[in-house]
Amino acid sequence: MRRVSQAPERLSPSQGHMLAGEINNHAGNLEAGIMGYEEQMRPVIAKLQKAPPLIRTILAPQTAWGLWVRNRIFAFVAWSRILKFTQKYFASAFASSDKFGLPEYEWVT
C-alpha cells in the first residue's frame, strides 16, 4: 500500500476511524476495505496538501542570501511579538473546523 499523506500527524485520529469503519463495512475483504478507505481519504488529503503559492520558496530558500533573509524575518517576528498580538485577536480565524466530517459507520460488537 502506498503512503497517502505527507502529514499523518494531522490526520491520525480520522484516518484510524475511517480505516476501521471501511474494513468493518467490507467484512471478509480487506483489500476492498482499504480501497474504500482510500476513496474516503483522497479528497481530504488532496485539500490539506495544497500549499499557497510561494510558501515552499519562502520557507525553504535555495541560496545563502535567501536563508539569511528568511532567518532575519523570522527573528524580527519573534522579537517583535507580532505573533502574540495576532494570536490574541485573530486566533478564531485560524481555528480548525469540521470541514470534512467523519462518516458514520455501523459497528459490529
C-alpha atoms as a PDB file:
ATOM      1  CA  MET A   1       0.000   0.000   0.000  1.00  0.00           C
ATOM      2  CA  ARG A   2       1.396   3.397  -0.903  1.00  0.00           C
ATOM      3  CA  ARG A   3       1.616   6.269   1.532  1.00  0.00           C
ATOM      4  CA  VAL A   4      -1.341   8.602   1.094  1.00  0.00           C
ATOM      5  CA  SER A   5      -0.435  11.554   3.296  1.00  0.00           C
ATOM      6  CA  GLN A   6       2.599  13.759   3.763  1.00  0.00           C
ATOM      7  CA  ALA A   7       1.374  14.915   7.189  1.00  0.00           C
ATOM      8  CA  PRO A   8      -0.022  11.867   9.012  1.00  0.00           C
ATOM      9  CA  GLU A   9       0.107  13.510  12.427  1.00  0.00           C
ATOM     10  CA  ARG A  10      -2.703  15.886  11.421  1.00  0.00           C
ATOM     11  CA  LEU A  11      -4.964  13.121  10.182  1.00  0.00           C
ATOM     12  CA  SER A  12      -4.220  10.208  12.501  1.00  0.00           C
ATOM     13  CA  PRO A  13      -7.476  10.112  14.520  1.00  0.00           C
ATOM     14  CA  SER A  14      -9.711  10.468  11.475  1.00  0.00           C
ATOM     15  CA  GLN A  15      -7.610   8.009   9.487  1.00  0.00           C
ATOM     16  CA  GLY A  16      -7.933   5.355  12.172  1.00  0.00           C
ATOM     17  CA  HIS A  17     -11.698   5.850  12.406  1.00  0.00           C
ATOM     18  CA  MET A  18     -12.199   5.699   8.646  1.00  0.00           C
ATOM     19  CA  LEU A  19      -9.884   2.732   8.131  1.00  0.00           C
ATOM     20  CA  ALA A  20     -11.600   0.700  10.853  1.00  0.00           C
ATOM     21  CA  GLY A  21     -15.037   1.680   9.535  1.00  0.00           C
ATOM     22  CA  GLU A  22     -14.228   0.771   5.943  1.00  0.00           C
ATOM     23  CA  ILE A  23     -12.699  -2.577   6.925  1.00  0.00           C
ATOM     24  CA  ASN A  24     -15.803  -3.246   9.030  1.00  0.00           C
ATOM     25  CA  ASN A  25     -18.097  -2.349   6.096  1.00  0.00           C
ATOM     26  CA  HIS A  26     -16.239  -4.762   3.824  1.00  0.00           C
ATOM     27  CA  ALA A  27     -16.103  -7.644   6.288  1.00  0.00           C
ATOM     28  CA  GLY A  28     -14.071 -10.502   4.921  1.00  0.00           C
ATOM     29  CA  ASN A  29     -12.486  -8.438   2.134  1.00  0.00           C
ATOM     30  CA  LEU A  30      -9.530  -6.461   3.460  1.00  0.00           C
ATOM     31  CA  GLU A  31      -8.498  -5.185   0.037  1.00  0.00           C
ATOM     32  CA  ALA A  32     -11.968  -3.715  -0.606  1.00  0.00           C
ATOM     33  CA  GLY A  33     -11.890  -2.087   2.842  1.00  0.00           C
ATOM     34  CA  ILE A  34      -8.546  -0.461   2.116  1.00  0.00           C
ATOM     35  CA  MET A  35      -9.780   0.749  -1.273  1.00  0.00           C
ATOM     36  CA  GLY A  36     -12.886   2.220   0.398  1.00  0.00           C
ATOM     37  CA  TYR A  37     -10.648   3.953   2.925  1.00  0.00           C
ATOM     38  CA  GLU A  38      -8.511   5.416   0.164  1.00  0.00           C
ATOM     39  CA  GLU A  39     -11.613   6.711  -1.650  1.00  0.00           C
ATOM     40  CA  GLN A  40     -12.764   8.411   1.581  1.00  0.00           C
ATOM     41  CA  MET A  41      -9.380   9.940   2.412  1.00  0.00           C
ATOM     42  CA  ARG A  42      -8.181  11.007  -1.037  1.00  0.00           C
ATOM     43  CA  PRO A  43     -10.227  14.297  -1.176  1.00  0.00           C
ATOM     44  CA  VAL A  44      -9.247  15.221   2.387  1.00  0.00           C
ATOM     45  CA  ILE A  45      -5.560  14.665   1.760  1.00  0.00           C
ATOM     46  CA  ALA A  46      -5.635  16.448  -1.595  1.00  0.00           C
ATOM     47  CA  LYS A  47      -7.149  19.510   0.090  1.00  0.00           C
ATOM     48  CA  LEU A  48      -4.674  19.508   3.002  1.00  0.00           C
ATOM     49  CA  GLN A  49      -1.601  19.055   0.811  1.00  0.00           C
ATOM     50  CA  LYS A  50      -2.246  22.156  -1.266  1.00  0.00           C
ATOM     51  CA  ALA A  51       0.228  24.848  -0.289  1.00  0.00           C
ATOM     52  CA  PRO A  52      -0.275  28.523  -1.072  1.00  0.00           C
ATOM     53  CA  PRO A  53       1.894  29.839  -3.910  1.00  0.00           C
ATOM     54  CA  LEU A  54       5.489  30.624  -2.933  1.00  0.00           C
ATOM     55  CA  ILE A  55       5.168  29.084   0.553  1.00  0.00           C
ATOM     56  CA  ARG A  56       7.796  26.454  -0.198  1.00  0.00           C
ATOM     57  CA  THR A  57      10.074  29.075  -1.706  1.00  0.00           C
ATOM     58  CA  ILE A  58       9.746  31.290   1.354  1.00  0.00           C
ATOM     59  CA  LEU A  59      10.204  28.526   3.913  1.00  0.00           C
ATOM     60  CA  ALA A  60      12.968  26.668   2.063  1.00  0.00           C
ATOM     61  CA  PRO A  61      15.074  29.163   0.112  1.00  0.00           C
ATOM     62  CA  GLN A  62      17.735  27.813  -2.232  1.00  0.00           C
ATOM     63  CA  THR A  63      20.503  30.371  -1.658  1.00  0.00           C
ATOM     64  CA  ALA A  64      22.548  31.588   1.288  1.00  0.00           C
ATOM     65  CA  TRP A  65      21.105  35.066   0.795  1.00  0.00           C
ATOM     66  CA  GLY A  66      17.563  33.654   0.849  1.00  0.00           C
ATOM     67  CA  LEU A  67      18.304  31.772   4.065  1.00  0.00           C
ATOM     68  CA  TRP A  68      19.713  34.938   5.635  1.00  0.00           C
ATOM     69  CA  VAL A  69      16.636  36.986   4.673  1.00  0.00           C
ATOM     70  CA  ARG A  70      14.235  34.291   5.906  1.00  0.00           C
ATOM     71  CA  ASN A  71      16.054  33.940   9.215  1.00  0.00           C
ATOM     72  CA  ARG A  72      16.087  37.717   9.758  1.00  0.00           C
ATOM     73  CA  ILE A  73      12.357  37.931   9.069  1.00  0.00           C
ATOM     74  CA  PHE A  74      11.622  35.086  11.498  1.00  0.00           C
ATOM     75  CA  ALA A  75      13.901  36.674  14.110  1.00  0.00           C
ATOM     76  CA  PHE A  76      12.101  40.012  13.764  1.00  0.00           C
ATOM     77  CA  VAL A  77       8.686  38.373  14.038  1.00  0.00           C
ATOM     78  CA  ALA A  78       9.778  36.525  17.193  1.00  0.00           C
ATOM     79  CA  TRP A  79      11.444  39.605  18.709  1.00  0.00           C
ATOM     80  CA  SER A  80       8.558  41.989  17.967  1.00  0.00           C
ATOM     81  CA  ARG A  81       5.902  39.645  19.382  1.00  0.00           C
ATOM     82  CA  ILE A  82       3.714  40.144  16.331  1.00  0.00           C
ATOM     83  CA  LEU A  83       2.545  36.547  16.643  1.00  0.00           C
ATOM     84  CA  LYS A  84       1.367  37.112  20.210  1.00  0.00           C
ATOM     85  CA  PHE A  85      -0.745  40.049  19.052  1.00  0.00           C
ATOM     86  CA  THR A  86      -2.217  38.218  16.077  1.00  0.00           C
ATOM     87  CA  GLN A  87      -2.966  35.115  18.120  1.00  0.00           C
ATOM     88  CA  LYS A  88      -4.726  37.182  20.754  1.00  0.00           C
ATOM     89  CA  TYR A  89      -7.047  38.953  18.328  1.00  0.00           C
ATOM     90  CA  PHE A  90      -7.249  36.662  15.320  1.00  0.00           C
ATOM     91  CA  ALA A  91      -6.953  33.145  16.750  1.00  0.00           C
ATOM     92  CA  SER A  92     -10.565  32.278  15.991  1.00  0.00           C
ATOM     93  CA  ALA A  93      -9.964  32.933  12.292  1.00  0.00           C
ATOM     94  CA  PHE A  94      -7.386  30.127  12.264  1.00  0.00           C
ATOM     95  CA  ALA A  95      -9.369  27.674  14.370  1.00  0.00           C
ATOM     96  CA  SER A  96      -9.940  24.296  12.822  1.00  0.00           C
ATOM     97  CA  SER A  97     -13.397  23.460  11.664  1.00  0.00           C
ATOM     98  CA  ASP A  98     -15.168  20.271  10.773  1.00  0.00           C
ATOM     99  CA  LYS A  99     -14.922  20.816   7.011  1.00  0.00           C
ATOM    100  CA  PHE A 100     -14.671  17.182   6.135  1.00  0.00           C
ATOM    101  CA  GLY A 101     -16.525  15.456   8.939  1.00  0.00           C
ATOM    102  CA  LEU A 102     -16.331  11.785   9.767  1.00  0.00           C
ATOM    103  CA  PRO A 103     -18.639   9.284   8.124  1.00  0.00           C
ATOM    104  CA  GLU A 104     -20.970   7.311  10.353  1.00  0.00           C
ATOM    105  CA  TYR A 105     -20.285   3.597  10.484  1.00  0.00           C
ATOM    106  CA  GLU A 106     -22.414   0.822  11.910  1.00  0.00           C
ATOM    107  CA  TRP A 107     -20.110  -1.010  14.297  1.00  0.00           C
ATOM    108  CA  VAL A 108     -20.402  -4.724  14.924  1.00  0.00           C
ATOM    109  CA  THR A 109     -19.962  -5.587  18.591  1.00  0.00           C
END
